[in-house]
Amino acid sequence: MSLGEQFEPVLAAARTGADWALAALYRDLHPRVLRYLWARDPSEAEDLAAETWLDVARGLHRFDGDEAGFRAWVFAIARRRLLDERRSAARRLTTPLPSDRLALLGETGNVEHEALLSLEAQAALERIVELPAEQAEVVLLRVLGDLSAREVARILGKREGTVRVLQHRALRRLARQTVREAVTE
């Protein structure tokens, strides 16, 4: 999903407060942001996504960049909201939902197609959230956020090479797990 050539005029209109433009930006990125947050904290994902979009709306006039930069900016905000929530939760001593209760939200449209995609995506996310935290974070930002290694490195405060190594290790671990499951079936 991408606005492509329409991004610049949509962003300009959103900065002036045009509801249609804000809705277009939201429709384009919200499903990915929500899935990212859901994979990291299912019990708070909806609230964190709402807070993310409030921050995006408040800071839209400060954003300067292209569509890829906007996507990275939105995911950086989502991650900050997530980290803030985790700090707050640590003070409240709450218990997160187990990964087996993780549910994904899908887009609307062709129900049969969405059901198949949802099952595949849910299975993939369940595997990803079982990875070590740093590896899962990198894979989720790279895949759901469609962010480059450089953008993920900036968001996580790591070097680009470190992000690539974490991604490589995560994908290698997922591949081994898939092979093991195929052999046992």
Protein backbone atom coordinates (compact mmCIF):
# COMPACT_ATOMS: atom_id res chain seq x y z
CA MET A 1 0.00 0.00 0.00
CA SER A 2 1.28 3.36 -0.94
CA LEU A 3 -0.01 6.72 -2.04
CA GLY A 4 2.79 7.04 -4.59
CA GLU A 5 2.63 10.22 -6.63
CA GLN A 6 -0.39 11.35 -4.61
CA PHE A 7 1.62 11.50 -1.38
CA GLU A 8 2.86 15.10 -1.68
CA PRO A 9 -0.55 16.68 -2.44
CA VAL A 10 -2.24 14.50 0.21
CA LEU A 11 0.37 15.51 2.80
CA ALA A 12 0.00 19.19 1.88
CA ALA A 13 -3.77 18.95 2.24
CA ALA A 14 -3.47 17.09 5.55
CA ARG A 15 -1.27 19.86 6.90
CA THR A 16 -4.08 22.32 6.20
CA GLY A 17 -6.49 20.10 8.14
CA ALA A 18 -8.35 18.54 5.20
CA ASP A 19 -10.27 15.59 6.64
CA TRP A 20 -10.09 13.58 3.42
CA ALA A 21 -6.28 13.89 3.35
CA LEU A 22 -5.84 12.89 6.98
CA ALA A 23 -8.16 9.93 6.32
CA ALA A 24 -6.09 8.91 3.28
CA LEU A 25 -2.85 8.90 5.31
CA TYR A 26 -4.59 6.98 8.08
CA ARG A 27 -6.10 4.36 5.72
CA ASP A 28 -2.74 3.87 4.05
CA LEU A 29 -0.68 3.21 7.20
CA HIS A 30 -3.04 2.35 10.04
CA PRO A 31 -3.36 -1.42 9.33
CA ARG A 32 0.43 -1.83 9.36
CA VAL A 33 0.88 0.30 12.46
CA LEU A 34 -1.85 -1.59 14.28
CA ARG A 35 -0.39 -4.97 13.34
CA TYR A 36 3.04 -3.85 14.53
CA LEU A 37 1.64 -2.67 17.85
CA TRP A 38 -0.57 -5.75 18.17
CA ALA A 39 2.43 -8.03 17.73
CA ARG A 40 4.35 -6.14 20.41
CA ASP A 41 1.50 -5.57 22.94
CA PRO A 42 -1.90 -7.05 22.02
CA SER A 43 -3.68 -5.72 25.10
CA GLU A 44 -2.83 -2.09 24.33
CA ALA A 45 -2.49 -2.06 20.55
CA GLU A 46 -5.69 -0.15 19.75
CA ASP A 47 -5.02 2.54 22.36
CA LEU A 48 -1.39 2.88 21.30
CA ALA A 49 -2.43 3.19 17.64
CA ALA A 50 -4.91 5.94 18.56
CA GLU A 51 -2.22 7.78 20.53
CA THR A 52 0.17 7.38 17.60
CA TRP A 53 -2.29 8.99 15.18
CA LEU A 54 -2.99 11.83 17.60
CA ASP A 55 0.76 12.49 17.75
CA VAL A 56 0.99 12.28 13.96
CA ALA A 57 -1.84 14.80 13.56
CA ARG A 58 -0.26 17.16 16.12
CA GLY A 59 3.21 16.94 14.57
CA LEU A 60 2.28 16.84 10.88
CA HIS A 61 3.36 20.44 10.36
CA ARG A 62 6.87 19.53 11.59
CA PHE A 63 7.34 16.54 9.27
CA ASP A 64 9.58 17.12 6.27
CA GLY A 65 10.31 14.32 3.85
CA ASP A 66 9.00 11.83 1.31
CA GLU A 67 6.57 8.94 1.70
CA ALA A 68 9.21 6.50 2.97
CA GLY A 69 10.34 9.10 5.49
CA PHE A 70 6.75 9.63 6.58
CA ARG A 71 6.28 5.90 7.10
CA ALA A 72 9.48 5.75 9.20
CA TRP A 73 8.34 8.81 11.18
CA VAL A 74 4.95 7.23 11.95
CA PHE A 75 6.53 3.93 13.03
CA ALA A 76 9.04 5.79 15.20
CA ILE A 77 6.12 7.52 16.93
CA ALA A 78 4.32 4.18 17.35
CA ARG A 79 7.43 2.64 18.87
CA ARG A 80 7.83 5.57 21.29
CA ARG A 81 4.18 5.17 22.37
CA LEU A 82 4.84 1.45 22.88
CA LEU A 83 7.95 2.10 24.98
CA ASP A 84 6.06 4.70 27.04
CA GLU A 85 3.29 2.16 27.64
CA ARG A 86 5.79 -0.50 28.69
CA ARG A 87 7.39 1.87 31.19
CA SER A 88 3.97 2.73 32.54
CA ALA A 89 2.89 -0.94 32.65
CA ALA A 90 6.03 -1.84 34.58
CA ARG A 91 4.91 0.60 37.24
CA ARG A 92 1.38 -0.91 37.21
CA LEU A 93 2.64 -4.52 37.18
CA THR A 94 0.18 -5.78 34.57
CA THR A 95 0.42 -9.10 32.74
CA PRO A 96 0.52 -9.10 28.92
CA LEU A 97 -1.58 -11.51 26.88
CA PRO A 98 0.15 -14.74 25.85
CA SER A 99 1.12 -15.02 22.20
CA ASP A 100 -1.38 -17.83 21.58
CA ARG A 101 -4.19 -15.30 22.08
CA LEU A 102 -2.73 -12.95 19.52
CA ALA A 103 -5.30 -11.99 16.90
CA LEU A 104 -4.70 -10.01 13.77
CA LEU A 105 -6.87 -7.39 12.19
CA GLY A 106 -7.32 -7.54 8.46
CA GLU A 107 -8.43 -5.10 5.86
CA THR A 108 -11.94 -5.10 4.46
CA GLY A 109 -12.82 -6.34 0.99
CA ASN A 110 -12.81 -9.90 -0.37
CA VAL A 111 -13.69 -11.96 2.70
CA GLU A 112 -12.34 -15.30 1.42
CA HIS A 113 -9.06 -13.77 0.32
CA GLU A 114 -8.74 -11.87 3.60
CA ALA A 115 -9.43 -14.99 5.63
CA LEU A 116 -6.61 -16.87 3.91
CA LEU A 117 -4.23 -13.94 4.22
CA SER A 118 -5.19 -13.46 7.84
CA LEU A 119 -4.47 -17.11 8.69
CA GLU A 120 -1.10 -16.94 6.95
CA ALA A 121 -0.27 -13.59 8.54
CA GLN A 122 -1.36 -14.76 11.98
CA ALA A 123 0.81 -17.86 11.73
CA ALA A 124 3.77 -15.74 10.61
CA LEU A 125 3.28 -13.18 13.39
CA GLU A 126 2.98 -15.92 16.00
CA ARG A 127 6.36 -17.22 14.86
CA ILE A 128 7.89 -13.74 14.79
CA VAL A 129 6.77 -12.81 18.31
CA GLU A 130 8.51 -15.96 19.60
CA LEU A 131 11.87 -14.64 18.35
CA PRO A 132 14.18 -12.83 20.76
CA ALA A 133 12.78 -9.33 21.34
CA GLU A 134 15.38 -7.41 19.28
CA GLN A 135 15.06 -9.78 16.32
CA ALA A 136 11.25 -9.62 16.42
CA GLU A 137 11.35 -5.82 16.57
CA VAL A 138 13.61 -5.61 13.52
CA VAL A 139 11.55 -8.07 11.46
CA LEU A 140 8.27 -6.35 12.36
CA LEU A 141 9.58 -2.89 11.48
CA ARG A 142 11.17 -4.11 8.23
CA VAL A 143 8.13 -6.15 7.10
CA LEU A 144 5.07 -4.40 8.54
CA GLY A 145 6.64 -0.98 8.42
CA ASP A 146 8.23 -1.59 5.03
CA LEU A 147 11.22 0.33 6.38
CA SER A 148 14.81 0.17 5.20
CA ALA A 149 17.60 -1.10 7.44
CA ARG A 150 18.81 2.50 7.77
CA GLU A 151 15.36 3.70 8.91
CA VAL A 152 15.01 0.83 11.40
CA ALA A 153 18.51 1.57 12.73
CA ARG A 154 17.52 5.19 13.34
CA ILE A 155 14.31 4.18 15.11
CA LEU A 156 16.04 1.60 17.32
CA GLY A 157 19.17 3.65 17.95
CA LYS A 158 21.39 0.93 16.48
CA ARG A 159 23.87 0.74 13.64
CA GLU A 160 22.57 -0.28 10.23
CA GLY A 161 24.85 -3.34 10.19
CA THR A 162 23.47 -4.46 13.55
CA VAL A 163 19.94 -4.27 12.16
CA ARG A 164 20.95 -6.39 9.17
CA VAL A 165 22.60 -8.99 11.43
CA LEU A 166 19.52 -9.13 13.69
CA GLN A 167 17.29 -9.55 10.64
CA HIS A 168 19.53 -12.26 9.18
CA ARG A 169 19.57 -14.20 12.46
CA ALA A 170 15.80 -13.89 12.80
CA LEU A 171 15.14 -15.10 9.27
CA ARG A 172 17.61 -17.95 9.66
CA ARG A 173 15.89 -19.00 12.90
CA LEU A 174 12.45 -18.83 11.25
CA ALA A 175 13.71 -20.90 8.30
CA ARG A 176 15.12 -23.59 10.62
CA GLN A 177 11.85 -23.68 12.51
CA THR A 178 9.88 -24.07 9.27
CA VAL A 179 12.13 -26.90 8.08
CA ARG A 180 11.78 -28.67 11.45
CA GLU A 181 7.99 -28.40 11.28
CA ALA A 182 7.92 -29.68 7.70
CA VAL A 183 10.05 -32.72 8.63
CA THR A 184 7.87 -33.62 11.61
CA GLU A 185 4.62 -33.46 9.60
